[in-house]
Amino acid sequence: MALSRIVMRLARNPGTEFAGGDDHRGYALTAPLTGDGYLDEAAYAETKAQCVVRRFAPDEDPADGRLAKRGKHWFFDYDAGDTDDDEPVHRLGEHRFALGEYVTVTDEDGRPLTYKVMEVAAA
């Protein structure tokens, strides 16, 4: 089962301090994708221990976590014993991971922020 490395960088978010975006903030995600770029749920079930995420920003230490799924909801989990740190990803199972696509992640402060897919490559 092939895994992909997906890099998403903060896109323009009008009305926030990131109105112009920020290429130095984002996520690097390792996950299985279907041939057309969607999360492969069957492959995820077999590879979830390898499905990781790293949140990066210039003013904080990188945060390492995992891609997790509860019911139909996908999220980034940074501490398996604590649900307060989970970052929900809006309709992640319906997003296509291709260059230029956008993904909304709810940050640790509860704000939905938009990220742009900047890289998709074999992991």
PDB file of N, CA and C in Angstrom:
ATOM      1  N   MET A   1       0.838  -1.168   0.000  1.00  0.00           N
ATOM      2  CA  MET A   1       0.000   0.000   0.000  1.00  0.00           C
ATOM      3  C   MET A   1       0.891   1.241   0.000  1.00  0.00           C
ATOM      4  N   ALA A   2       0.757   2.050  -0.988  1.00  0.00           N
ATOM      5  CA  ALA A   2       1.596   3.246  -1.109  1.00  0.00           C
ATOM      6  C   ALA A   2       1.023   4.391  -0.283  1.00  0.00           C
ATOM      7  N   LEU A   3       1.912   5.075   0.388  1.00  0.00           N
ATOM      8  CA  LEU A   3       1.529   6.260   1.145  1.00  0.00           C
ATOM      9  C   LEU A   3       2.024   7.495   0.404  1.00  0.00           C
ATOM     10  N   SER A   4       1.321   8.593   0.601  1.00  0.00           N
ATOM     11  CA  SER A   4       1.706   9.859  -0.013  1.00  0.00           C
ATOM     12  C   SER A   4       2.079  10.859   1.059  1.00  0.00           C
ATOM     13  N   ARG A   5       2.995  11.733   0.708  1.00  0.00           N
ATOM     14  CA  ARG A   5       3.344  12.862   1.574  1.00  0.00           C
ATOM     15  C   ARG A   5       2.657  14.081   0.988  1.00  0.00           C
ATOM     16  N   ILE A   6       1.844  14.731   1.812  1.00  0.00           N
ATOM     17  CA  ILE A   6       1.048  15.870   1.389  1.00  0.00           C
ATOM     18  C   ILE A   6       1.492  17.071   2.216  1.00  0.00           C
ATOM     19  N   VAL A   7       1.848  18.157   1.563  1.00  0.00           N
ATOM     20  CA  VAL A   7       2.224  19.372   2.276  1.00  0.00           C
ATOM     21  C   VAL A   7       1.177  20.435   1.974  1.00  0.00           C
ATOM     22  N   MET A   8       0.617  20.994   3.050  1.00  0.00           N
ATOM     23  CA  MET A   8      -0.375  22.060   2.939  1.00  0.00           C
ATOM     24  C   MET A   8       0.186  23.290   3.656  1.00  0.00           C
ATOM     25  N   ARG A   9       0.102  24.441   3.000  1.00  0.00           N
ATOM     26  CA  ARG A   9       0.603  25.687   3.595  1.00  0.00           C
ATOM     27  C   ARG A   9      -0.559  26.666   3.758  1.00  0.00           C
ATOM     28  N   LEU A  10      -0.443  27.503   4.780  1.00  0.00           N
ATOM     29  CA  LEU A  10      -1.525  28.428   5.106  1.00  0.00           C
ATOM     30  C   LEU A  10      -1.827  29.341   3.926  1.00  0.00           C
ATOM     31  N   ALA A  11      -3.064  29.307   3.481  1.00  0.00           N
ATOM     32  CA  ALA A  11      -3.514  30.139   2.362  1.00  0.00           C
ATOM     33  C   ALA A  11      -3.996  31.492   2.893  1.00  0.00           C
ATOM     34  N   ARG A  12      -4.433  32.344   2.001  1.00  0.00           N
ATOM     35  CA  ARG A  12      -5.004  33.626   2.427  1.00  0.00           C
ATOM     36  C   ARG A  12      -6.247  33.354   3.269  1.00  0.00           C
ATOM     37  N   ASN A  13      -6.324  34.023   4.416  1.00  0.00           N
ATOM     38  CA  ASN A  13      -7.459  33.896   5.325  1.00  0.00           C
ATOM     39  C   ASN A  13      -7.912  35.297   5.723  1.00  0.00           C
ATOM     40  N   PRO A  14      -8.710  35.964   4.853  1.00  0.00           N
ATOM     41  CA  PRO A  14      -9.173  37.325   5.139  1.00  0.00           C
ATOM     42  C   PRO A  14      -9.858  37.402   6.501  1.00  0.00           C
ATOM     43  N   GLY A  15      -9.648  38.530   7.182  1.00  0.00           N
ATOM     44  CA  GLY A  15     -10.266  38.726   8.493  1.00  0.00           C
ATOM     45  C   GLY A  15      -9.473  38.136   9.644  1.00  0.00           C
ATOM     46  N   THR A  16      -8.304  37.550   9.348  1.00  0.00           N
ATOM     47  CA  THR A  16      -7.430  37.017  10.393  1.00  0.00           C
ATOM     48  C   THR A  16      -6.070  37.687  10.256  1.00  0.00           C
ATOM     49  N   GLU A  17      -5.173  37.400  11.189  1.00  0.00           N
ATOM     50  CA  GLU A  17      -3.814  37.940  11.065  1.00  0.00           C
ATOM     51  C   GLU A  17      -3.067  37.309   9.892  1.00  0.00           C
ATOM     52  N   PHE A  18      -3.691  36.306   9.248  1.00  0.00           N
ATOM     53  CA  PHE A  18      -3.080  35.626   8.106  1.00  0.00           C
ATOM     54  C   PHE A  18      -3.794  35.984   6.802  1.00  0.00           C
ATOM     55  N   ALA A  19      -4.216  37.231   6.689  1.00  0.00           N
ATOM     56  CA  ALA A  19      -4.973  37.664   5.506  1.00  0.00           C
ATOM     57  C   ALA A  19      -4.219  37.388   4.212  1.00  0.00           C
ATOM     58  N   GLY A  20      -2.893  37.484   4.248  1.00  0.00           N
ATOM     59  CA  GLY A  20      -2.085  37.254   3.054  1.00  0.00           C
ATOM     60  C   GLY A  20      -1.545  35.843   2.947  1.00  0.00           C
ATOM     61  N   GLY A  21      -1.899  34.973   3.902  1.00  0.00           N
ATOM     62  CA  GLY A  21      -1.358  33.616   3.920  1.00  0.00           C
ATOM     63  C   GLY A  21       0.019  33.608   4.576  1.00  0.00           C
ATOM     64  N   ASP A  22       0.590  32.424   4.697  1.00  0.00           N
ATOM     65  CA  ASP A  22       1.918  32.288   5.293  1.00  0.00           C
ATOM     66  C   ASP A  22       2.497  30.946   4.866  1.00  0.00           C
ATOM     67  N   ASP A  23       3.476  30.985   3.960  1.00  0.00           N
ATOM     68  CA  ASP A  23       4.098  29.758   3.447  1.00  0.00           C
ATOM     69  C   ASP A  23       4.911  29.018   4.504  1.00  0.00           C
ATOM     70  N   HIS A  24       5.158  29.658   5.641  1.00  0.00           N
ATOM     71  CA  HIS A  24       5.961  29.028   6.693  1.00  0.00           C
ATOM     72  C   HIS A  24       5.107  28.327   7.740  1.00  0.00           C
ATOM     73  N   ARG A  25       3.781  28.322   7.565  1.00  0.00           N
ATOM     74  CA  ARG A  25       2.848  27.647   8.477  1.00  0.00           C
ATOM     75  C   ARG A  25       2.094  26.596   7.690  1.00  0.00           C
ATOM     76  N   GLY A  26       1.966  25.428   8.278  1.00  0.00           N
ATOM     77  CA  GLY A  26       1.193  24.421   7.575  1.00  0.00           C
ATOM     78  C   GLY A  26       1.298  23.057   8.194  1.00  0.00           C
ATOM     79  N   TYR A  27       1.040  22.068   7.361  1.00  0.00           N
ATOM     80  CA  TYR A  27       1.005  20.672   7.776  1.00  0.00           C
ATOM     81  C   TYR A  27       1.706  19.811   6.733  1.00  0.00           C
ATOM     82  N   ALA A  28       2.414  18.807   7.209  1.00  0.00           N
ATOM     83  CA  ALA A  28       2.951  17.753   6.353  1.00  0.00           C
ATOM     84  C   ALA A  28       2.255  16.473   6.822  1.00  0.00           C
ATOM     85  N   LEU A  29       1.571  15.834   5.922  1.00  0.00           N
ATOM     86  CA  LEU A  29       0.721  14.687   6.236  1.00  0.00           C
ATOM     87  C   LEU A  29       1.162  13.480   5.420  1.00  0.00           C
ATOM     88  N   THR A  30       1.197  12.326   6.056  1.00  0.00           N
ATOM     89  CA  THR A  30       1.459  11.070   5.352  1.00  0.00           C
ATOM     90  C   THR A  30       0.181  10.250   5.420  1.00  0.00           C
ATOM     91  N   ALA A  31      -0.358   9.893   4.248  1.00  0.00           N
ATOM     92  CA  ALA A  31      -1.631   9.168   4.188  1.00  0.00           C
ATOM     93  C   ALA A  31      -1.751   8.431   2.860  1.00  0.00           C
ATOM     94  N   PRO A  32      -2.578   7.373   2.817  1.00  0.00           N
ATOM     95  CA  PRO A  32      -2.813   6.690   1.550  1.00  0.00           C
ATOM     96  C   PRO A  32      -3.882   7.424   0.736  1.00  0.00           C
ATOM     97  N   LEU A  33      -3.635   7.561  -0.550  1.00  0.00           N
ATOM     98  CA  LEU A  33      -4.583   8.220  -1.435  1.00  0.00           C
ATOM     99  C   LEU A  33      -5.025   7.263  -2.534  1.00  0.00           C
ATOM    100  N   THR A  34      -6.239   7.478  -3.007  1.00  0.00           N
ATOM    101  CA  THR A  34      -6.726   6.729  -4.163  1.00  0.00           C
ATOM    102  C   THR A  34      -6.033   7.282  -5.403  1.00  0.00           C
ATOM    103  N   GLY A  35      -6.210   6.643  -6.527  1.00  0.00           N
ATOM    104  CA  GLY A  35      -5.601   7.096  -7.772  1.00  0.00           C
ATOM    105  C   GLY A  35      -6.025   8.492  -8.175  1.00  0.00           C
ATOM    106  N   ASP A  36      -7.230   8.928  -7.741  1.00  0.00           N
ATOM    107  CA  ASP A  36      -7.688  10.271  -8.089  1.00  0.00           C
ATOM    108  C   ASP A  36      -7.487  11.286  -6.959  1.00  0.00           C
ATOM    109  N   GLY A  37      -6.704  10.905  -5.917  1.00  0.00           N
ATOM    110  CA  GLY A  37      -6.273  11.877  -4.925  1.00  0.00           C
ATOM    111  C   GLY A  37      -7.108  12.025  -3.671  1.00  0.00           C
ATOM    112  N   TYR A  38      -8.035  11.115  -3.422  1.00  0.00           N
ATOM    113  CA  TYR A  38      -8.837  11.168  -2.203  1.00  0.00           C
ATOM    114  C   TYR A  38      -8.250  10.215  -1.171  1.00  0.00           C
ATOM    115  N   LEU A  39      -8.540  10.455   0.110  1.00  0.00           N
ATOM    116  CA  LEU A  39      -8.086   9.528   1.144  1.00  0.00           C
ATOM    117  C   LEU A  39      -8.647   8.141   0.853  1.00  0.00           C
ATOM    118  N   ASP A  40      -7.804   7.144   0.934  1.00  0.00           N
ATOM    119  CA  ASP A  40      -8.196   5.752   0.696  1.00  0.00           C
ATOM    120  C   ASP A  40      -8.512   5.126   2.052  1.00  0.00           C
ATOM    121  N   GLU A  41      -9.806   5.046   2.384  1.00  0.00           N
ATOM    122  CA  GLU A  41     -10.222   4.559   3.701  1.00  0.00           C
ATOM    123  C   GLU A  41      -9.823   3.112   3.937  1.00  0.00           C
ATOM    124  N   ALA A  42      -9.919   2.275   2.933  1.00  0.00           N
ATOM    125  CA  ALA A  42      -9.539   0.862   3.100  1.00  0.00           C
ATOM    126  C   ALA A  42      -8.049   0.751   3.395  1.00  0.00           C
ATOM    127  N   ALA A  43      -7.234   1.495   2.668  1.00  0.00           N
ATOM    128  CA  ALA A  43      -5.794   1.473   2.901  1.00  0.00           C
ATOM    129  C   ALA A  43      -5.457   2.111   4.244  1.00  0.00           C
ATOM    130  N   TYR A  44      -6.203   3.131   4.643  1.00  0.00           N
ATOM    131  CA  TYR A  44      -5.973   3.768   5.935  1.00  0.00           C
ATOM    132  C   TYR A  44      -6.153   2.744   7.060  1.00  0.00           C
ATOM    133  N   ALA A  45      -7.166   1.904   6.962  1.00  0.00           N
ATOM    134  CA  ALA A  45      -7.421   0.903   7.999  1.00  0.00           C
ATOM    135  C   ALA A  45      -6.214  -0.014   8.192  1.00  0.00           C
ATOM    136  N   GLU A  46      -5.466  -0.250   7.115  1.00  0.00           N
ATOM    137  CA  GLU A  46      -4.300  -1.137   7.177  1.00  0.00           C
ATOM    138  C   GLU A  46      -2.997  -0.398   7.507  1.00  0.00           C
ATOM    139  N   THR A  47      -2.976   0.922   7.325  1.00  0.00           N
ATOM    140  CA  THR A  47      -1.722   1.669   7.486  1.00  0.00           C
ATOM    141  C   THR A  47      -1.828   2.798   8.500  1.00  0.00           C
ATOM    142  N   LYS A  48      -2.877   2.837   9.312  1.00  0.00           N
ATOM    143  CA  LYS A  48      -3.084   4.021  10.147  1.00  0.00           C
ATOM    144  C   LYS A  48      -1.934   4.320  11.108  1.00  0.00           C
ATOM    145  N   ALA A  49      -1.177   3.317  11.508  1.00  0.00           N
ATOM    146  CA  ALA A  49      -0.023   3.575  12.375  1.00  0.00           C
ATOM    147  C   ALA A  49       1.036   4.415  11.655  1.00  0.00           C
ATOM    148  N   GLN A  50       1.031   4.396  10.331  1.00  0.00           N
ATOM    149  CA  GLN A  50       2.004   5.149   9.535  1.00  0.00           C
ATOM    150  C   GLN A  50       1.455   6.493   9.056  1.00  0.00           C
ATOM    151  N   CYS A  51       0.180   6.751   9.337  1.00  0.00           N
ATOM    152  CA  CYS A  51      -0.470   7.985   8.889  1.00  0.00           C
ATOM    153  C   CYS A  51      -0.232   9.075   9.930  1.00  0.00           C
ATOM    154  N   VAL A  52       0.765   9.890   9.674  1.00  0.00           N
ATOM    155  CA  VAL A  52       1.200  10.894  10.642  1.00  0.00           C
ATOM    156  C   VAL A  52       1.035  12.303  10.075  1.00  0.00           C
ATOM    157  N   VAL A  53       1.076  13.257  10.990  1.00  0.00           N
ATOM    158  CA  VAL A  53       0.980  14.665  10.611  1.00  0.00           C
ATOM    159  C   VAL A  53       1.992  15.449  11.429  1.00  0.00           C
ATOM    160  N   ARG A  54       2.527  16.485  10.819  1.00  0.00           N
ATOM    161  CA  ARG A  54       3.412  17.422  11.520  1.00  0.00           C
ATOM    162  C   ARG A  54       2.911  18.822  11.220  1.00  0.00           C
ATOM    163  N   ARG A  55       2.576  19.547  12.283  1.00  0.00           N
ATOM    164  CA  ARG A  55       2.176  20.954  12.145  1.00  0.00           C
ATOM    165  C   ARG A  55       3.433  21.801  12.339  1.00  0.00           C
ATOM    166  N   PHE A  56       3.654  22.746  11.433  1.00  0.00           N
ATOM    167  CA  PHE A  56       4.840  23.578  11.538  1.00  0.00           C
ATOM    168  C   PHE A  56       4.480  25.051  11.421  1.00  0.00           C
ATOM    169  N   ALA A  57       5.228  25.863  12.153  1.00  0.00           N
ATOM    170  CA  ALA A  57       5.077  27.321  12.133  1.00  0.00           C
ATOM    171  C   ALA A  57       6.383  27.913  12.642  1.00  0.00           C
ATOM    172  N   PRO A  58       6.741  29.110  12.174  1.00  0.00           N
ATOM    173  CA  PRO A  58       8.036  29.677  12.559  1.00  0.00           C
ATOM    174  C   PRO A  58       8.131  30.078  14.030  1.00  0.00           C
ATOM    175  N   ASP A  59       7.006  30.317  14.676  1.00  0.00           N
ATOM    176  CA  ASP A  59       7.029  30.800  16.053  1.00  0.00           C
ATOM    177  C   ASP A  59       6.677  29.739  17.093  1.00  0.00           C
ATOM    178  N   GLU A  60       6.714  28.457  16.691  1.00  0.00           N
ATOM    179  CA  GLU A  60       6.432  27.382  17.642  1.00  0.00           C
ATOM    180  C   GLU A  60       7.187  26.126  17.234  1.00  0.00           C
ATOM    181  N   ASP A  61       7.381  25.238  18.203  1.00  0.00           N
ATOM    182  CA  ASP A  61       8.013  23.960  17.901  1.00  0.00           C
ATOM    183  C   ASP A  61       7.072  23.128  17.042  1.00  0.00           C
ATOM    184  N   PRO A  62       7.606  22.298  16.150  1.00  0.00           N
ATOM    185  CA  PRO A  62       6.732  21.420  15.358  1.00  0.00           C
ATOM    186  C   PRO A  62       5.927  20.507  16.285  1.00  0.00           C
ATOM    187  N   ALA A  63       4.699  20.232  15.903  1.00  0.00           N
ATOM    188  CA  ALA A  63       3.839  19.325  16.662  1.00  0.00           C
ATOM    189  C   ALA A  63       3.618  18.075  15.825  1.00  0.00           C
ATOM    190  N   ASP A  64       3.984  16.918  16.362  1.00  0.00           N
ATOM    191  CA  ASP A  64       3.819  15.654  15.655  1.00  0.00           C
ATOM    192  C   ASP A  64       2.596  14.926  16.184  1.00  0.00           C
ATOM    193  N   GLY A  65       1.792  14.424  15.265  1.00  0.00           N
ATOM    194  CA  GLY A  65       0.583  13.708  15.635  1.00  0.00           C
ATOM    195  C   GLY A  65       0.261  12.639  14.623  1.00  0.00           C
ATOM    196  N   ARG A  66      -1.001  12.269  14.600  1.00  0.00           N
ATOM    197  CA  ARG A  66      -1.437  11.221  13.683  1.00  0.00           C
ATOM    198  C   ARG A  66      -2.743  11.624  13.027  1.00  0.00           C
ATOM    199  N   LEU A  67      -2.983  11.064  11.874  1.00  0.00           N
ATOM    200  CA  LEU A  67      -4.267  11.220  11.204  1.00  0.00           C
ATOM    201  C   LEU A  67      -5.210  10.226  11.857  1.00  0.00           C
ATOM    202  N   ALA A  68      -6.358  10.678  12.301  1.00  0.00           N
ATOM    203  CA  ALA A  68      -7.296   9.797  12.992  1.00  0.00           C
ATOM    204  C   ALA A  68      -8.697   9.984  12.416  1.00  0.00           C
ATOM    205  N   LYS A  69      -9.540   8.991  12.679  1.00  0.00           N
ATOM    206  CA  LYS A  69     -10.903   9.010  12.157  1.00  0.00           C
ATOM    207  C   LYS A  69     -11.837   8.486  13.233  1.00  0.00           C
ATOM    208  N   ARG A  70     -12.917   9.208  13.455  1.00  0.00           N
ATOM    209  CA  ARG A  70     -13.959   8.785  14.381  1.00  0.00           C
ATOM    210  C   ARG A  70     -15.280   8.891  13.632  1.00  0.00           C
ATOM    211  N   GLY A  71     -15.891   7.764  13.327  1.00  0.00           N
ATOM    212  CA  GLY A  71     -17.084   7.789  12.483  1.00  0.00           C
ATOM    213  C   GLY A  71     -16.705   8.266  11.100  1.00  0.00           C
ATOM    214  N   LYS A  72     -17.376   9.291  10.613  1.00  0.00           N
ATOM    215  CA  LYS A  72     -17.049   9.862   9.304  1.00  0.00           C
ATOM    216  C   LYS A  72     -16.131  11.081   9.421  1.00  0.00           C
ATOM    217  N   HIS A  73     -15.744  11.441  10.657  1.00  0.00           N
ATOM    218  CA  HIS A  73     -14.969  12.651  10.891  1.00  0.00           C
ATOM    219  C   HIS A  73     -13.485  12.357  11.023  1.00  0.00           C
ATOM    220  N   TRP A  74     -12.692  13.056  10.212  1.00  0.00           N
ATOM    221  CA  TRP A  74     -11.233  12.954  10.246  1.00  0.00           C
ATOM    222  C   TRP A  74     -10.685  14.103  11.064  1.00  0.00           C
ATOM    223  N   PHE A  75      -9.562  13.870  11.745  1.00  0.00           N
ATOM    224  CA  PHE A  75      -8.932  14.926  12.513  1.00  0.00           C
ATOM    225  C   PHE A  75      -7.462  14.609  12.716  1.00  0.00           C
ATOM    226  N   PHE A  76      -6.724  15.639  13.121  1.00  0.00           N
ATOM    227  CA  PHE A  76      -5.321  15.474  13.478  1.00  0.00           C
ATOM    228  C   PHE A  76      -5.268  15.366  14.991  1.00  0.00           C
ATOM    229  N   ASP A  77      -4.646  14.321  15.492  1.00  0.00           N
ATOM    230  CA  ASP A  77      -4.590  14.042  16.928  1.00  0.00           C
ATOM    231  C   ASP A  77      -3.136  14.091  17.383  1.00  0.00           C
ATOM    232  N   TYR A  78      -2.863  14.944  18.362  1.00  0.00           N
ATOM    233  CA  TYR A  78      -1.494  15.113  18.845  1.00  0.00           C
ATOM    234  C   TYR A  78      -1.233  14.401  20.167  1.00  0.00           C
ATOM    235  N   ASP A  79      -2.277  13.909  20.817  1.00  0.00           N
ATOM    236  CA  ASP A  79      -2.147  13.169  22.073  1.00  0.00           C
ATOM    237  C   ASP A  79      -3.343  12.230  22.173  1.00  0.00           C
ATOM    238  N   ALA A  80      -3.094  10.933  22.023  1.00  0.00           N
ATOM    239  CA  ALA A  80      -4.177   9.947  21.990  1.00  0.00           C
ATOM    240  C   ALA A  80      -5.026   9.962  23.263  1.00  0.00           C
ATOM    241  N   GLY A  81      -4.458  10.393  24.389  1.00  0.00           N
ATOM    242  CA  GLY A  81      -5.199  10.405  25.641  1.00  0.00           C
ATOM    243  C   GLY A  81      -5.958  11.686  25.908  1.00  0.00           C
ATOM    244  N   ASP A  82      -5.908  12.654  24.989  1.00  0.00           N
ATOM    245  CA  ASP A  82      -6.504  13.965  25.220  1.00  0.00           C
ATOM    246  C   ASP A  82      -7.226  14.424  23.960  1.00  0.00           C
ATOM    247  N   THR A  83      -8.534  14.620  24.044  1.00  0.00           N
ATOM    248  CA  THR A  83      -9.281  15.060  22.860  1.00  0.00           C
ATOM    249  C   THR A  83      -9.254  16.585  22.703  1.00  0.00           C
ATOM    250  N   ASP A  84      -8.776  17.321  23.720  1.00  0.00           N
ATOM    251  CA  ASP A  84      -8.732  18.779  23.625  1.00  0.00           C
ATOM    252  C   ASP A  84      -7.758  19.273  22.564  1.00  0.00           C
ATOM    253  N   ASP A  85      -6.769  18.460  22.202  1.00  0.00           N
ATOM    254  CA  ASP A  85      -5.772  18.900  21.230  1.00  0.00           C
ATOM    255  C   ASP A  85      -6.126  18.512  19.796  1.00  0.00           C
ATOM    256  N   ASP A  86      -7.235  17.829  19.602  1.00  0.00           N
ATOM    257  CA  ASP A  86      -7.619  17.388  18.266  1.00  0.00           C
ATOM    258  C   ASP A  86      -7.940  18.582  17.371  1.00  0.00           C
ATOM    259  N   GLU A  87      -7.503  18.507  16.116  1.00  0.00           N
ATOM    260  CA  GLU A  87      -7.801  19.539  15.134  1.00  0.00           C
ATOM    261  C   GLU A  87      -8.680  18.923  14.040  1.00  0.00           C
ATOM    262  N   PRO A  88      -9.987  19.209  14.069  1.00  0.00           N
ATOM    263  CA  PRO A  88     -10.872  18.666  13.038  1.00  0.00           C
ATOM    264  C   PRO A  88     -10.539  19.234  11.665  1.00  0.00           C
ATOM    265  N   VAL A  89     -10.694  18.400  10.666  1.00  0.00           N
ATOM    266  CA  VAL A  89     -10.466  18.828   9.292  1.00  0.00           C
ATOM    267  C   VAL A  89     -11.805  18.725   8.569  1.00  0.00           C
ATOM    268  N   HIS A  90     -12.296  19.865   8.109  1.00  0.00           N
ATOM    269  CA  HIS A  90     -13.622  19.947   7.505  1.00  0.00           C
ATOM    270  C   HIS A  90     -13.746  19.043   6.282  1.00  0.00           C
ATOM    271  N   ARG A  91     -14.600  18.044   6.383  1.00  0.00           N
ATOM    272  CA  ARG A  91     -14.936  17.142   5.274  1.00  0.00           C
ATOM    273  C   ARG A  91     -13.695  16.553   4.592  1.00  0.00           C
ATOM    274  N   LEU A  92     -12.729  16.160   5.401  1.00  0.00           N
ATOM    275  CA  LEU A  92     -11.456  15.680   4.849  1.00  0.00           C
ATOM    276  C   LEU A  92     -11.647  14.504   3.895  1.00  0.00           C
ATOM    277  N   GLY A  93     -12.566  13.605   4.208  1.00  0.00           N
ATOM    278  CA  GLY A  93     -12.802  12.451   3.349  1.00  0.00           C
ATOM    279  C   GLY A  93     -13.322  12.819   1.970  1.00  0.00           C
ATOM    280  N   GLU A  94     -13.804  14.055   1.806  1.00  0.00           N
ATOM    281  CA  GLU A  94     -14.340  14.509   0.523  1.00  0.00           C
ATOM    282  C   GLU A  94     -13.366  15.406  -0.239  1.00  0.00           C
ATOM    283  N   HIS A  95     -12.223  15.703   0.384  1.00  0.00           N
ATOM    284  CA  HIS A  95     -11.239  16.563  -0.267  1.00  0.00           C
ATOM    285  C   HIS A  95     -10.348  15.764  -1.206  1.00  0.00           C
ATOM    286  N   ARG A  96     -10.032  16.388  -2.314  1.00  0.00           N
ATOM    287  CA  ARG A  96      -9.076  15.812  -3.251  1.00  0.00           C
ATOM    288  C   ARG A  96      -7.726  16.454  -2.968  1.00  0.00           C
ATOM    289  N   PHE A  97      -6.728  15.614  -2.741  1.00  0.00           N
ATOM    290  CA  PHE A  97      -5.384  16.112  -2.476  1.00  0.00           C
ATOM    291  C   PHE A  97      -4.625  16.186  -3.790  1.00  0.00           C
ATOM    292  N   ALA A  98      -4.707  17.355  -4.388  1.00  0.00           N
ATOM    293  CA  ALA A  98      -4.010  17.643  -5.638  1.00  0.00           C
ATOM    294  C   ALA A  98      -3.477  19.066  -5.516  1.00  0.00           C
ATOM    295  N   LEU A  99      -2.412  19.354  -6.238  1.00  0.00           N
ATOM    296  CA  LEU A  99      -1.819  20.685  -6.180  1.00  0.00           C
ATOM    297  C   LEU A  99      -2.873  21.762  -6.417  1.00  0.00           C
ATOM    298  N   GLY A 100      -2.871  22.761  -5.537  1.00  0.00           N
ATOM    299  CA  GLY A 100      -3.779  23.888  -5.689  1.00  0.00           C
ATOM    300  C   GLY A 100      -5.120  23.729  -5.007  1.00  0.00           C
ATOM    301  N   GLU A 101      -5.451  22.540  -4.526  1.00  0.00           N
ATOM    302  CA  GLU A 101      -6.719  22.337  -3.815  1.00  0.00           C
ATOM    303  C   GLU A 101      -6.614  22.948  -2.423  1.00  0.00           C
ATOM    304  N   TYR A 102      -7.761  23.232  -1.803  1.00  0.00           N
ATOM    305  CA  TYR A 102      -7.805  23.859  -0.486  1.00  0.00           C
ATOM    306  C   TYR A 102      -8.445  22.929   0.537  1.00  0.00           C
ATOM    307  N   VAL A 103      -7.931  23.006   1.774  1.00  0.00           N
ATOM    308  CA  VAL A 103      -8.418  22.195   2.889  1.00  0.00           C
ATOM    309  C   VAL A 103      -8.573  23.117   4.093  1.00  0.00           C
ATOM    310  N   THR A 104      -9.671  22.970   4.836  1.00  0.00           N
ATOM    311  CA  THR A 104      -9.901  23.779   6.026  1.00  0.00           C
ATOM    312  C   THR A 104      -9.630  22.951   7.268  1.00  0.00           C
ATOM    313  N   VAL A 105      -8.748  23.467   8.133  1.00  0.00           N
ATOM    314  CA  VAL A 105      -8.405  22.821   9.393  1.00  0.00           C
ATOM    315  C   VAL A 105      -8.813  23.768  10.516  1.00  0.00           C
ATOM    316  N   THR A 106      -9.483  23.234  11.536  1.00  0.00           N
ATOM    317  CA  THR A 106      -9.829  24.030  12.708  1.00  0.00           C
ATOM    318  C   THR A 106      -8.647  23.990  13.658  1.00  0.00           C
ATOM    319  N   ASP A 107      -8.046  25.153  13.922  1.00  0.00           N
ATOM    320  CA  ASP A 107      -6.827  25.185  14.729  1.00  0.00           C
ATOM    321  C   ASP A 107      -7.109  24.979  16.210  1.00  0.00           C
ATOM    322  N   GLU A 108      -6.053  24.996  17.014  1.00  0.00           N
ATOM    323  CA  GLU A 108      -6.170  24.728  18.444  1.00  0.00           C
ATOM    324  C   GLU A 108      -7.004  25.777  19.172  1.00  0.00           C
ATOM    325  N   ASP A 109      -7.227  26.936  18.547  1.00  0.00           N
ATOM    326  CA  ASP A 109      -8.064  27.979  19.132  1.00  0.00           C
ATOM    327  C   ASP A 109      -9.504  27.917  18.619  1.00  0.00           C
ATOM    328  N   GLY A 110      -9.820  26.899  17.813  1.00  0.00           N
ATOM    329  CA  GLY A 110     -11.173  26.731  17.305  1.00  0.00           C
ATOM    330  C   GLY A 110     -11.485  27.530  16.057  1.00  0.00           C
ATOM    331  N   ARG A 111     -10.457  28.134  15.430  1.00  0.00           N
ATOM    332  CA  ARG A 111     -10.661  28.913  14.207  1.00  0.00           C
ATOM    333  C   ARG A 111     -10.484  28.039  12.985  1.00  0.00           C
ATOM    334  N   PRO A 112     -11.434  28.089  12.049  1.00  0.00           N
ATOM    335  CA  PRO A 112     -11.209  27.379  10.787  1.00  0.00           C
ATOM    336  C   PRO A 112     -10.280  28.200   9.900  1.00  0.00           C
ATOM    337  N   LEU A 113      -9.163  27.590   9.491  1.00  0.00           N
ATOM    338  CA  LEU A 113      -8.201  28.253   8.613  1.00  0.00           C
ATOM    339  C   LEU A 113      -8.020  27.416   7.350  1.00  0.00           C
ATOM    340  N   THR A 114      -7.842  28.085   6.242  1.00  0.00           N
ATOM    341  CA  THR A 114      -7.723  27.423   4.952  1.00  0.00           C
ATOM    342  C   THR A 114      -6.252  27.233   4.590  1.00  0.00           C
ATOM    343  N   TYR A 115      -5.939  26.028   4.110  1.00  0.00           N
ATOM    344  CA  TYR A 115      -4.590  25.661   3.686  1.00  0.00           C
ATOM    345  C   TYR A 115      -4.649  25.211   2.235  1.00  0.00           C
ATOM    346  N   LYS A 116      -3.574  25.471   1.522  1.00  0.00           N
ATOM    347  CA  LYS A 116      -3.489  25.097   0.109  1.00  0.00           C
ATOM    348  C   LYS A 116      -2.533  23.914  -0.038  1.00  0.00           C
ATOM    349  N   VAL A 117      -2.950  22.917  -0.803  1.00  0.00           N
ATOM    350  CA  VAL A 117      -2.086  21.756  -1.071  1.00  0.00           C
ATOM    351  C   VAL A 117      -0.978  22.209  -2.020  1.00  0.00           C
ATOM    352  N   MET A 118       0.263  22.120  -1.523  1.00  0.00           N
ATOM    353  CA  MET A 118       1.415  22.603  -2.279  1.00  0.00           C
ATOM    354  C   MET A 118       2.292  21.477  -2.803  1.00  0.00           C
ATOM    355  N   GLU A 119       2.132  20.277  -2.238  1.00  0.00           N
ATOM    356  CA  GLU A 119       2.969  19.153  -2.654  1.00  0.00           C
ATOM    357  C   GLU A 119       2.227  17.839  -2.384  1.00  0.00           C
ATOM    358  N   VAL A 120       2.279  16.938  -3.338  1.00  0.00           N
ATOM    359  CA  VAL A 120       1.792  15.559  -3.161  1.00  0.00           C
ATOM    360  C   VAL A 120       2.813  14.676  -3.835  1.00  0.00           C
ATOM    361  N   ALA A 121       3.436  13.788  -3.052  1.00  0.00           N
ATOM    362  CA  ALA A 121       4.488  12.929  -3.585  1.00  0.00           C
ATOM    363  C   ALA A 121       4.460  11.597  -2.847  1.00  0.00           C
ATOM    364  N   ALA A 122       5.084  10.595  -3.435  1.00  0.00           N
ATOM    365  CA  ALA A 122       5.202   9.311  -2.765  1.00  0.00           C
ATOM    366  C   ALA A 122       5.996   9.488  -1.472  1.00  0.00           C
ATOM    367  N   ALA A 123       5.526   8.836  -0.415  1.00  0.00           N
ATOM    368  CA  ALA A 123       6.214   8.956   0.901  1.00  0.00           C
ATOM    369  C   ALA A 123       7.383   8.021   0.967  1.00  0.00           C
TER     370      ALA A 123
END
